[in-house]
């Protein structure tokens, strides 16, 4: 199981607000039934890495479908082979140390 952090940013839109783009990206995650957590600066997604990459590509296309001419998408991938990594597990590991 992998964890992917993604941030999709349209460039050159008429408005500085990005919440409608974020909402449309979250709709994709709901439709795909992917476990995710929305944060203030991006979204964390959990699942099979190949599936996550496919979902990330769909999210990347959202601003283009809404009229953007340029999109910058950043991703970070945490893919462990020694044990199963989950969003909740990562948070619990830190909480135990606090």
PDB file of N, CA and C in Angstrom:
ATOM      1  N   UNK A   1       0.852  -1.175   0.000  1.00  0.00           N
ATOM      2  CA  UNK A   1       0.000   0.000   0.000  1.00  0.00           C
ATOM      3  C   UNK A   1       0.895   1.235   0.000  1.00  0.00           C
ATOM      4  N   UNK A   2       0.530   2.197  -0.816  1.00  0.00           N
ATOM      5  CA  UNK A   2       1.301   3.431  -0.948  1.00  0.00           C
ATOM      6  C   UNK A   2       0.462   4.611  -0.472  1.00  0.00           C
ATOM      7  N   UNK A   3       1.152   5.686  -0.175  1.00  0.00           N
ATOM      8  CA  UNK A   3       0.503   6.949   0.166  1.00  0.00           C
ATOM      9  C   UNK A   3       1.038   7.998  -0.795  1.00  0.00           C
ATOM     10  N   UNK A   4       0.133   8.753  -1.373  1.00  0.00           N
ATOM     11  CA  UNK A   4       0.500   9.787  -2.330  1.00  0.00           C
ATOM     12  C   UNK A   4      -0.065  11.117  -1.848  1.00  0.00           C
ATOM     13  N   UNK A   5       0.786  12.125  -1.792  1.00  0.00           N
ATOM     14  CA  UNK A   5       0.332  13.480  -1.487  1.00  0.00           C
ATOM     15  C   UNK A   5       0.305  14.242  -2.803  1.00  0.00           C
ATOM     16  N   UNK A   6      -0.812  14.906  -3.080  1.00  0.00           N
ATOM     17  CA  UNK A   6      -0.964  15.601  -4.357  1.00  0.00           C
ATOM     18  C   UNK A   6      -1.511  17.006  -4.138  1.00  0.00           C
ATOM     19  N   UNK A   7      -1.009  17.923  -4.964  1.00  0.00           N
ATOM     20  CA  UNK A   7      -1.504  19.289  -5.000  1.00  0.00           C
ATOM     21  C   UNK A   7      -1.611  19.682  -6.473  1.00  0.00           C
ATOM     22  N   UNK A   8      -2.814  20.032  -6.897  1.00  0.00           N
ATOM     23  CA  UNK A   8      -3.081  20.398  -8.293  1.00  0.00           C
ATOM     24  C   UNK A   8      -3.384  21.892  -8.330  1.00  0.00           C
ATOM     25  N   UNK A   9      -2.576  22.640  -9.085  1.00  0.00           N
ATOM     26  CA  UNK A   9      -2.722  24.099  -9.094  1.00  0.00           C
ATOM     27  C   UNK A   9      -2.855  24.615 -10.525  1.00  0.00           C
ATOM     28  N   UNK A  10      -4.017  25.199 -10.862  1.00  0.00           N
ATOM     29  CA  UNK A  10      -4.149  25.837 -12.172  1.00  0.00           C
ATOM     30  C   UNK A  10      -3.403  27.161 -12.176  1.00  0.00           C
ATOM     31  N   UNK A  11      -2.826  27.489 -13.306  1.00  0.00           N
ATOM     32  CA  UNK A  11      -2.075  28.741 -13.446  1.00  0.00           C
ATOM     33  C   UNK A  11      -2.825  29.656 -14.416  1.00  0.00           C
ATOM     34  N   UNK A  12      -2.916  30.932 -14.054  1.00  0.00           N
ATOM     35  CA  UNK A  12      -3.503  31.912 -14.957  1.00  0.00           C
ATOM     36  C   UNK A  12      -5.016  31.918 -15.009  1.00  0.00           C
ATOM     37  N   UNK A  13      -5.657  31.584 -13.905  1.00  0.00           N
ATOM     38  CA  UNK A  13      -7.122  31.657 -13.883  1.00  0.00           C
ATOM     39  C   UNK A  13      -7.553  33.089 -13.574  1.00  0.00           C
ATOM     40  N   UNK A  14      -8.812  33.383 -13.793  1.00  0.00           N
ATOM     41  CA  UNK A  14      -9.327  34.733 -13.574  1.00  0.00           C
ATOM     42  C   UNK A  14      -9.510  35.058 -12.096  1.00  0.00           C
ATOM     43  N   UNK A  15      -9.570  34.014 -11.268  1.00  0.00           N
ATOM     44  CA  UNK A  15      -9.848  34.188  -9.844  1.00  0.00           C
ATOM     45  C   UNK A  15      -8.708  33.589  -9.025  1.00  0.00           C
ATOM     46  N   UNK A  16      -8.419  34.173  -7.879  1.00  0.00           N
ATOM     47  CA  UNK A  16      -7.359  33.627  -7.023  1.00  0.00           C
ATOM     48  C   UNK A  16      -7.846  32.441  -6.191  1.00  0.00           C
ATOM     49  N   UNK A  17      -9.139  32.264  -6.060  1.00  0.00           N
ATOM     50  CA  UNK A  17      -9.688  31.154  -5.286  1.00  0.00           C
ATOM     51  C   UNK A  17      -9.521  29.838  -6.054  1.00  0.00           C
ATOM     52  N   UNK A  18      -9.111  28.793  -5.344  1.00  0.00           N
ATOM     53  CA  UNK A  18      -8.917  27.482  -5.964  1.00  0.00           C
ATOM     54  C   UNK A  18      -9.890  26.435  -5.436  1.00  0.00           C
ATOM     55  N   UNK A  19     -10.770  26.818  -4.524  1.00  0.00           N
ATOM     56  CA  UNK A  19     -11.625  25.835  -3.859  1.00  0.00           C
ATOM     57  C   UNK A  19     -12.535  25.064  -4.817  1.00  0.00           C
ATOM     58  N   UNK A  20     -12.979  25.677  -5.896  1.00  0.00           N
ATOM     59  CA  UNK A  20     -13.835  24.934  -6.835  1.00  0.00           C
ATOM     60  C   UNK A  20     -13.040  23.853  -7.560  1.00  0.00           C
ATOM     61  N   UNK A  21     -11.767  24.116  -7.825  1.00  0.00           N
ATOM     62  CA  UNK A  21     -10.906  23.108  -8.452  1.00  0.00           C
ATOM     63  C   UNK A  21     -10.652  21.961  -7.475  1.00  0.00           C
ATOM     64  N   UNK A  22     -10.398  22.320  -6.230  1.00  0.00           N
ATOM     65  CA  UNK A  22     -10.172  21.300  -5.202  1.00  0.00           C
ATOM     66  C   UNK A  22     -11.420  20.437  -5.041  1.00  0.00           C
ATOM     67  N   UNK A  23     -12.576  21.072  -4.985  1.00  0.00           N
ATOM     68  CA  UNK A  23     -13.833  20.325  -4.839  1.00  0.00           C
ATOM     69  C   UNK A  23     -14.022  19.342  -5.993  1.00  0.00           C
ATOM     70  N   UNK A  24     -13.721  19.762  -7.210  1.00  0.00           N
ATOM     71  CA  UNK A  24     -13.856  18.862  -8.360  1.00  0.00           C
ATOM     72  C   UNK A  24     -12.861  17.709  -8.293  1.00  0.00           C
ATOM     73  N   UNK A  25     -11.677  17.963  -7.771  1.00  0.00           N
ATOM     74  CA  UNK A  25     -10.697  16.883  -7.592  1.00  0.00           C
ATOM     75  C   UNK A  25     -11.179  15.892  -6.530  1.00  0.00           C
ATOM     76  N   UNK A  26     -11.759  16.404  -5.463  1.00  0.00           N
ATOM     77  CA  UNK A  26     -12.277  15.525  -4.410  1.00  0.00           C
ATOM     78  C   UNK A  26     -13.440  14.690  -4.941  1.00  0.00           C
ATOM     79  N   UNK A  27     -14.241  15.254  -5.821  1.00  0.00           N
ATOM     80  CA  UNK A  27     -15.333  14.477  -6.427  1.00  0.00           C
ATOM     81  C   UNK A  27     -14.789  13.254  -7.180  1.00  0.00           C
ATOM     82  N   UNK A  28     -13.632  13.421  -7.805  1.00  0.00           N
ATOM     83  CA  UNK A  28     -12.995  12.291  -8.490  1.00  0.00           C
ATOM     84  C   UNK A  28     -12.622  11.218  -7.474  1.00  0.00           C
ATOM     85  N   UNK A  29     -12.036  11.622  -6.350  1.00  0.00           N
ATOM     86  CA  UNK A  29     -11.651  10.653  -5.324  1.00  0.00           C
ATOM     87  C   UNK A  29     -12.858   9.926  -4.759  1.00  0.00           C
ATOM     88  N   UNK A  30     -13.958  10.643  -4.567  1.00  0.00           N
ATOM     89  CA  UNK A  30     -15.185  10.005  -4.070  1.00  0.00           C
ATOM     90  C   UNK A  30     -15.727   9.014  -5.090  1.00  0.00           C
ATOM     91  N   UNK A  31     -15.702   9.397  -6.347  1.00  0.00           N
ATOM     92  CA  UNK A  31     -16.194   8.518  -7.412  1.00  0.00           C
ATOM     93  C   UNK A  31     -15.336   7.256  -7.512  1.00  0.00           C
ATOM     94  N   UNK A  32     -14.039   7.411  -7.352  1.00  0.00           N
ATOM     95  CA  UNK A  32     -13.104   6.280  -7.441  1.00  0.00           C
ATOM     96  C   UNK A  32     -13.069   5.466  -6.149  1.00  0.00           C
ATOM     97  N   UNK A  33     -13.741   5.964  -5.120  1.00  0.00           N
ATOM     98  CA  UNK A  33     -13.797   5.292  -3.810  1.00  0.00           C
ATOM     99  C   UNK A  33     -12.402   5.031  -3.250  1.00  0.00           C
ATOM    100  N   UNK A  34     -11.592   6.088  -3.266  1.00  0.00           N
ATOM    101  CA  UNK A  34     -10.227   6.043  -2.761  1.00  0.00           C
ATOM    102  C   UNK A  34     -10.206   6.656  -1.368  1.00  0.00           C
ATOM    103  N   UNK A  35      -9.455   6.042  -0.457  1.00  0.00           N
ATOM    104  CA  UNK A  35      -9.298   6.614   0.870  1.00  0.00           C
ATOM    105  C   UNK A  35      -8.405   7.851   0.767  1.00  0.00           C
ATOM    106  N   UNK A  36      -8.892   8.980   1.268  1.00  0.00           N
ATOM    107  CA  UNK A  36      -8.140  10.225   1.147  1.00  0.00           C
ATOM    108  C   UNK A  36      -8.359  11.100   2.365  1.00  0.00           C
ATOM    109  N   UNK A  37      -7.460  12.063   2.527  1.00  0.00           N
ATOM    110  CA  UNK A  37      -7.589  13.109   3.539  1.00  0.00           C
ATOM    111  C   UNK A  37      -7.266  14.435   2.879  1.00  0.00           C
ATOM    112  N   UNK A  38      -8.196  15.346   2.918  1.00  0.00           N
ATOM    113  CA  UNK A  38      -7.979  16.697   2.413  1.00  0.00           C
ATOM    114  C   UNK A  38      -7.269  17.502   3.487  1.00  0.00           C
ATOM    115  N   UNK A  39      -6.209  18.195   3.103  1.00  0.00           N
ATOM    116  CA  UNK A  39      -5.507  19.080   4.032  1.00  0.00           C
ATOM    117  C   UNK A  39      -5.564  20.496   3.471  1.00  0.00           C
ATOM    118  N   UNK A  40      -5.060  21.440   4.203  1.00  0.00           N
ATOM    119  CA  UNK A  40      -5.098  22.831   3.768  1.00  0.00           C
ATOM    120  C   UNK A  40      -4.241  23.094   2.534  1.00  0.00           C
ATOM    121  N   UNK A  41      -3.214  22.268   2.316  1.00  0.00           N
ATOM    122  CA  UNK A  41      -2.276  22.526   1.229  1.00  0.00           C
ATOM    123  C   UNK A  41      -2.177  21.391   0.212  1.00  0.00           C
ATOM    124  N   UNK A  42      -3.020  20.393   0.324  1.00  0.00           N
ATOM    125  CA  UNK A  42      -2.968  19.264  -0.598  1.00  0.00           C
ATOM    126  C   UNK A  42      -3.889  18.167  -0.129  1.00  0.00           C
ATOM    127  N   UNK A  43      -3.778  17.014  -0.766  1.00  0.00           N
ATOM    128  CA  UNK A  43      -4.608  15.865  -0.426  1.00  0.00           C
ATOM    129  C   UNK A  43      -3.726  14.632  -0.346  1.00  0.00           C
ATOM    130  N   UNK A  44      -3.943  13.825   0.681  1.00  0.00           N
ATOM    131  CA  UNK A  44      -3.240  12.562   0.846  1.00  0.00           C
ATOM    132  C   UNK A  44      -4.165  11.431   0.420  1.00  0.00           C
ATOM    133  N   UNK A  45      -3.633  10.501  -0.356  1.00  0.00           N
ATOM    134  CA  UNK A  45      -4.419   9.389  -0.885  1.00  0.00           C
ATOM    135  C   UNK A  45      -3.698   8.090  -0.556  1.00  0.00           C
ATOM    136  N   UNK A  46      -4.472   7.055  -0.211  1.00  0.00           N
ATOM    137  CA  UNK A  46      -3.908   5.766   0.167  1.00  0.00           C
ATOM    138  C   UNK A  46      -4.419   4.680  -0.774  1.00  0.00           C
ATOM    139  N   UNK A  47      -3.534   3.785  -1.211  1.00  0.00           N
ATOM    140  CA  UNK A  47      -3.962   2.678  -2.050  1.00  0.00           C
ATOM    141  C   UNK A  47      -2.815   2.060  -2.822  1.00  0.00           C
ATOM    142  N   UNK A  48      -3.158   1.228  -3.788  1.00  0.00           N
ATOM    143  CA  UNK A  48      -2.166   0.627  -4.676  1.00  0.00           C
ATOM    144  C   UNK A  48      -1.539   1.733  -5.532  1.00  0.00           C
ATOM    145  N   UNK A  49      -0.226   1.725  -5.652  1.00  0.00           N
ATOM    146  CA  UNK A  49       0.472   2.812  -6.332  1.00  0.00           C
ATOM    147  C   UNK A  49      -0.020   3.014  -7.764  1.00  0.00           C
ATOM    148  N   UNK A  50      -0.229   1.939  -8.499  1.00  0.00           N
ATOM    149  CA  UNK A  50      -0.707   2.080  -9.881  1.00  0.00           C
ATOM    150  C   UNK A  50      -2.064   2.775  -9.924  1.00  0.00           C
ATOM    151  N   UNK A  51      -2.943   2.432  -8.990  1.00  0.00           N
ATOM    152  CA  UNK A  51      -4.259   3.071  -8.924  1.00  0.00           C
ATOM    153  C   UNK A  51      -4.134   4.543  -8.547  1.00  0.00           C
ATOM    154  N   UNK A  52      -3.222   4.835  -7.633  1.00  0.00           N
ATOM    155  CA  UNK A  52      -3.035   6.224  -7.207  1.00  0.00           C
ATOM    156  C   UNK A  52      -2.534   7.098  -8.348  1.00  0.00           C
ATOM    157  N   UNK A  53      -1.635   6.567  -9.159  1.00  0.00           N
ATOM    158  CA  UNK A  53      -1.114   7.329 -10.301  1.00  0.00           C
ATOM    159  C   UNK A  53      -2.239   7.608 -11.302  1.00  0.00           C
ATOM    160  N   UNK A  54      -3.100   6.636 -11.533  1.00  0.00           N
ATOM    161  CA  UNK A  54      -4.227   6.835 -12.455  1.00  0.00           C
ATOM    162  C   UNK A  54      -5.170   7.912 -11.927  1.00  0.00           C
ATOM    163  N   UNK A  55      -5.458   7.874 -10.629  1.00  0.00           N
ATOM    164  CA  UNK A  55      -6.337   8.874 -10.025  1.00  0.00           C
ATOM    165  C   UNK A  55      -5.680  10.253 -10.064  1.00  0.00           C
ATOM    166  N   UNK A  56      -4.366  10.307  -9.812  1.00  0.00           N
ATOM    167  CA  UNK A  56      -3.645  11.586  -9.851  1.00  0.00           C
ATOM    168  C   UNK A  56      -3.730  12.206 -11.241  1.00  0.00           C
ATOM    169  N   UNK A  57      -3.639  11.387 -12.275  1.00  0.00           N
ATOM    170  CA  UNK A  57      -3.753  11.909 -13.643  1.00  0.00           C
ATOM    171  C   UNK A  57      -5.143  12.499 -13.882  1.00  0.00           C
ATOM    172  N   UNK A  58      -6.171  11.837 -13.382  1.00  0.00           N
ATOM    173  CA  UNK A  58      -7.535  12.375 -13.519  1.00  0.00           C
ATOM    174  C   UNK A  58      -7.660  13.715 -12.792  1.00  0.00           C
ATOM    175  N   UNK A  59      -7.060  13.803 -11.611  1.00  0.00           N
ATOM    176  CA  UNK A  59      -7.109  15.054 -10.854  1.00  0.00           C
ATOM    177  C   UNK A  59      -6.350  16.159 -11.588  1.00  0.00           C
ATOM    178  N   UNK A  60      -5.234  15.804 -12.182  1.00  0.00           N
ATOM    179  CA  UNK A  60      -4.423  16.775 -12.930  1.00  0.00           C
ATOM    180  C   UNK A  60      -5.217  17.368 -14.100  1.00  0.00           C
ATOM    181  N   UNK A  61      -6.111  16.592 -14.675  1.00  0.00           N
ATOM    182  CA  UNK A  61      -6.892  17.046 -15.831  1.00  0.00           C
ATOM    183  C   UNK A  61      -8.032  17.995 -15.457  1.00  0.00           C
ATOM    184  N   UNK A  62      -8.418  18.005 -14.193  1.00  0.00           N
ATOM    185  CA  UNK A  62      -9.561  18.823 -13.752  1.00  0.00           C
ATOM    186  C   UNK A  62      -9.452  20.288 -14.167  1.00  0.00           C
ATOM    187  N   UNK A  63      -8.360  20.988 -13.861  1.00  0.00           N
ATOM    188  CA  UNK A  63      -8.298  22.405 -14.241  1.00  0.00           C
ATOM    189  C   UNK A  63      -8.361  22.634 -15.756  1.00  0.00           C
ATOM    190  N   UNK A  64      -7.802  21.722 -16.537  1.00  0.00           N
ATOM    191  CA  UNK A  64      -7.892  21.858 -17.994  1.00  0.00           C
ATOM    192  C   UNK A  64      -9.346  21.797 -18.441  1.00  0.00           C
ATOM    193  N   UNK A  65     -10.101  20.888 -17.848  1.00  0.00           N
ATOM    194  CA  UNK A  65     -11.524  20.757 -18.197  1.00  0.00           C
ATOM    195  C   UNK A  65     -12.323  21.985 -17.786  1.00  0.00           C
ATOM    196  N   UNK A  66     -11.797  22.735 -16.819  1.00  0.00           N
ATOM    197  CA  UNK A  66     -12.465  23.958 -16.374  1.00  0.00           C
ATOM    198  C   UNK A  66     -11.921  25.198 -17.074  1.00  0.00           C
ATOM    199  N   UNK A  67     -11.062  25.018 -18.085  1.00  0.00           N
ATOM    200  CA  UNK A  67     -10.595  26.139 -18.885  1.00  0.00           C
ATOM    201  C   UNK A  67      -9.175  26.619 -18.632  1.00  0.00           C
ATOM    202  N   UNK A  68      -8.476  26.036 -17.679  1.00  0.00           N
ATOM    203  CA  UNK A  68      -7.092  26.453 -17.428  1.00  0.00           C
ATOM    204  C   UNK A  68      -6.206  26.039 -18.608  1.00  0.00           C
ATOM    205  N   UNK A  69      -5.209  26.833 -18.902  1.00  0.00           N
ATOM    206  CA  UNK A  69      -4.276  26.527 -19.988  1.00  0.00           C
ATOM    207  C   UNK A  69      -2.971  25.934 -19.477  1.00  0.00           C
ATOM    208  N   UNK A  70      -2.773  26.032 -18.149  1.00  0.00           N
ATOM    209  CA  UNK A  70      -1.549  25.505 -17.559  1.00  0.00           C
ATOM    210  C   UNK A  70      -1.867  24.987 -16.157  1.00  0.00           C
ATOM    211  N   UNK A  71      -1.283  23.842 -15.814  1.00  0.00           N
ATOM    212  CA  UNK A  71      -1.517  23.232 -14.506  1.00  0.00           C
ATOM    213  C   UNK A  71      -0.193  22.715 -13.956  1.00  0.00           C
ATOM    214  N   UNK A  72       0.060  23.014 -12.689  1.00  0.00           N
ATOM    215  CA  UNK A  72       1.240  22.482 -12.012  1.00  0.00           C
ATOM    216  C   UNK A  72       0.743  21.518 -10.933  1.00  0.00           C
ATOM    217  N   UNK A  73       1.147  20.272 -11.048  1.00  0.00           N
ATOM    218  CA  UNK A  73       0.770  19.247 -10.075  1.00  0.00           C
ATOM    219  C   UNK A  73       2.033  18.725  -9.405  1.00  0.00           C
ATOM    220  N   UNK A  74       2.034  18.755  -8.085  1.00  0.00           N
ATOM    221  CA  UNK A  74       3.155  18.187  -7.348  1.00  0.00           C
ATOM    222  C   UNK A  74       2.671  16.955  -6.590  1.00  0.00           C
ATOM    223  N   UNK A  75       3.549  15.941  -6.550  1.00  0.00           N
ATOM    224  CA  UNK A  75       3.212  14.703  -5.854  1.00  0.00           C
ATOM    225  C   UNK A  75       4.413  14.226  -5.050  1.00  0.00           C
ATOM    226  N   UNK A  76       4.113  13.630  -3.915  1.00  0.00           N
ATOM    227  CA  UNK A  76       5.108  12.911  -3.125  1.00  0.00           C
ATOM    228  C   UNK A  76       4.542  11.519  -2.904  1.00  0.00           C
ATOM    229  N   UNK A  77       5.377  10.506  -3.039  1.00  0.00           N
ATOM    230  CA  UNK A  77       4.939   9.122  -2.878  1.00  0.00           C
ATOM    231  C   UNK A  77       5.737   8.465  -1.764  1.00  0.00           C
ATOM    232  N   UNK A  78       5.022   7.822  -0.848  1.00  0.00           N
ATOM    233  CA  UNK A  78       5.638   7.005   0.200  1.00  0.00           C
ATOM    234  C   UNK A  78       5.190   5.572  -0.070  1.00  0.00           C
ATOM    235  N   UNK A  79       6.111   4.744  -0.537  1.00  0.00           N
ATOM    236  CA  UNK A  79       5.794   3.370  -0.933  1.00  0.00           C
ATOM    237  C   UNK A  79       6.755   2.431  -0.215  1.00  0.00           C
ATOM    238  N   UNK A  80       6.252   1.748   0.805  1.00  0.00           N
ATOM    239  CA  UNK A  80       7.090   0.860   1.617  1.00  0.00           C
ATOM    240  C   UNK A  80       6.889  -0.594   1.202  1.00  0.00           C
ATOM    241  N   UNK A  81       7.961  -1.355   1.277  1.00  0.00           N
ATOM    242  CA  UNK A  81       7.895  -2.783   0.978  1.00  0.00           C
ATOM    243  C   UNK A  81       8.096  -3.630   2.234  1.00  0.00           C
ATOM    244  N   UNK A  82       8.581  -2.993   3.333  1.00  0.00           N
ATOM    245  CA  UNK A  82       8.843  -3.756   4.542  1.00  0.00           C
ATOM    246  C   UNK A  82       7.612  -3.928   5.422  1.00  0.00           C
ATOM    247  N   UNK A  83       6.603  -3.051   5.263  1.00  0.00           N
ATOM    248  CA  UNK A  83       5.352  -3.187   6.004  1.00  0.00           C
ATOM    249  C   UNK A  83       4.281  -2.346   5.319  1.00  0.00           C
ATOM    250  N   UNK A  84       3.041  -2.582   5.705  1.00  0.00           N
ATOM    251  CA  UNK A  84       1.928  -1.842   5.111  1.00  0.00           C
ATOM    252  C   UNK A  84       1.865  -0.451   5.732  1.00  0.00           C
ATOM    253  N   UNK A  85       1.900   0.566   4.892  1.00  0.00           N
ATOM    254  CA  UNK A  85       1.787   1.943   5.359  1.00  0.00           C
ATOM    255  C   UNK A  85       0.393   2.478   5.087  1.00  0.00           C
ATOM    256  N   UNK A  86      -0.185   3.137   6.068  1.00  0.00           N
ATOM    257  CA  UNK A  86      -1.506   3.736   5.897  1.00  0.00           C
ATOM    258  C   UNK A  86      -1.484   5.169   6.414  1.00  0.00           C
ATOM    259  N   UNK A  87      -2.460   5.940   5.996  1.00  0.00           N
ATOM    260  CA  UNK A  87      -2.564   7.316   6.482  1.00  0.00           C
ATOM    261  C   UNK A  87      -2.723   7.342   7.997  1.00  0.00           C
ATOM    262  N   UNK A  88      -3.626   6.521   8.512  1.00  0.00           N
ATOM    263  CA  UNK A  88      -3.857   6.515   9.963  1.00  0.00           C
ATOM    264  C   UNK A  88      -2.641   5.974  10.704  1.00  0.00           C
ATOM    265  N   UNK A  89      -1.970   4.991  10.138  1.00  0.00           N
ATOM    266  CA  UNK A  89      -0.787   4.416  10.779  1.00  0.00           C
ATOM    267  C   UNK A  89       0.339   5.423  10.919  1.00  0.00           C
ATOM    268  N   UNK A  90       0.524   6.246   9.900  1.00  0.00           N
ATOM    269  CA  UNK A  90       1.585   7.261   9.965  1.00  0.00           C
ATOM    270  C   UNK A  90       1.302   8.273  11.078  1.00  0.00           C
ATOM    271  N   UNK A  91       0.039   8.673  11.197  1.00  0.00           N
ATOM    272  CA  UNK A  91      -0.327   9.637  12.233  1.00  0.00           C
ATOM    273  C   UNK A  91      -0.217   9.015  13.626  1.00  0.00           C
ATOM    274  N   UNK A  92      -0.656   7.776  13.763  1.00  0.00           N
ATOM    275  CA  UNK A  92      -0.584   7.100  15.058  1.00  0.00           C
ATOM    276  C   UNK A  92       0.858   6.929  15.516  1.00  0.00           C
ATOM    277  N   UNK A  93       1.771   6.654  14.584  1.00  0.00           N
ATOM    278  CA  UNK A  93       3.179   6.488  14.938  1.00  0.00           C
ATOM    279  C   UNK A  93       3.741   7.770  15.557  1.00  0.00           C
ATOM    280  N   UNK A  94       3.364   8.908  15.013  1.00  0.00           N
ATOM    281  CA  UNK A  94       3.823  10.193  15.569  1.00  0.00           C
ATOM    282  C   UNK A  94       3.150  10.457  16.909  1.00  0.00           C
ATOM    283  N   UNK A  95       1.847  10.211  16.987  1.00  0.00           N
ATOM    284  CA  UNK A  95       1.113  10.459  18.238  1.00  0.00           C
ATOM    285  C   UNK A  95       1.693   9.641  19.386  1.00  0.00           C
ATOM    286  N   UNK A  96       2.110   8.409  19.142  1.00  0.00           N
ATOM    287  CA  UNK A  96       2.702   7.575  20.188  1.00  0.00           C
ATOM    288  C   UNK A  96       3.990   8.190  20.721  1.00  0.00           C
ATOM    289  N   UNK A  97       4.702   8.881  19.867  1.00  0.00           N
ATOM    290  CA  UNK A  97       5.962   9.470  20.275  1.00  0.00           C
ATOM    291  C   UNK A  97       5.782  10.809  20.988  1.00  0.00           C
ATOM    292  N   UNK A  98       4.603  11.392  20.852  1.00  0.00           N
ATOM    293  CA  UNK A  98       4.310  12.663  21.537  1.00  0.00           C
ATOM    294  C   UNK A  98       3.909  12.387  22.970  1.00  0.00           C
TER     295      UNK A  98
END
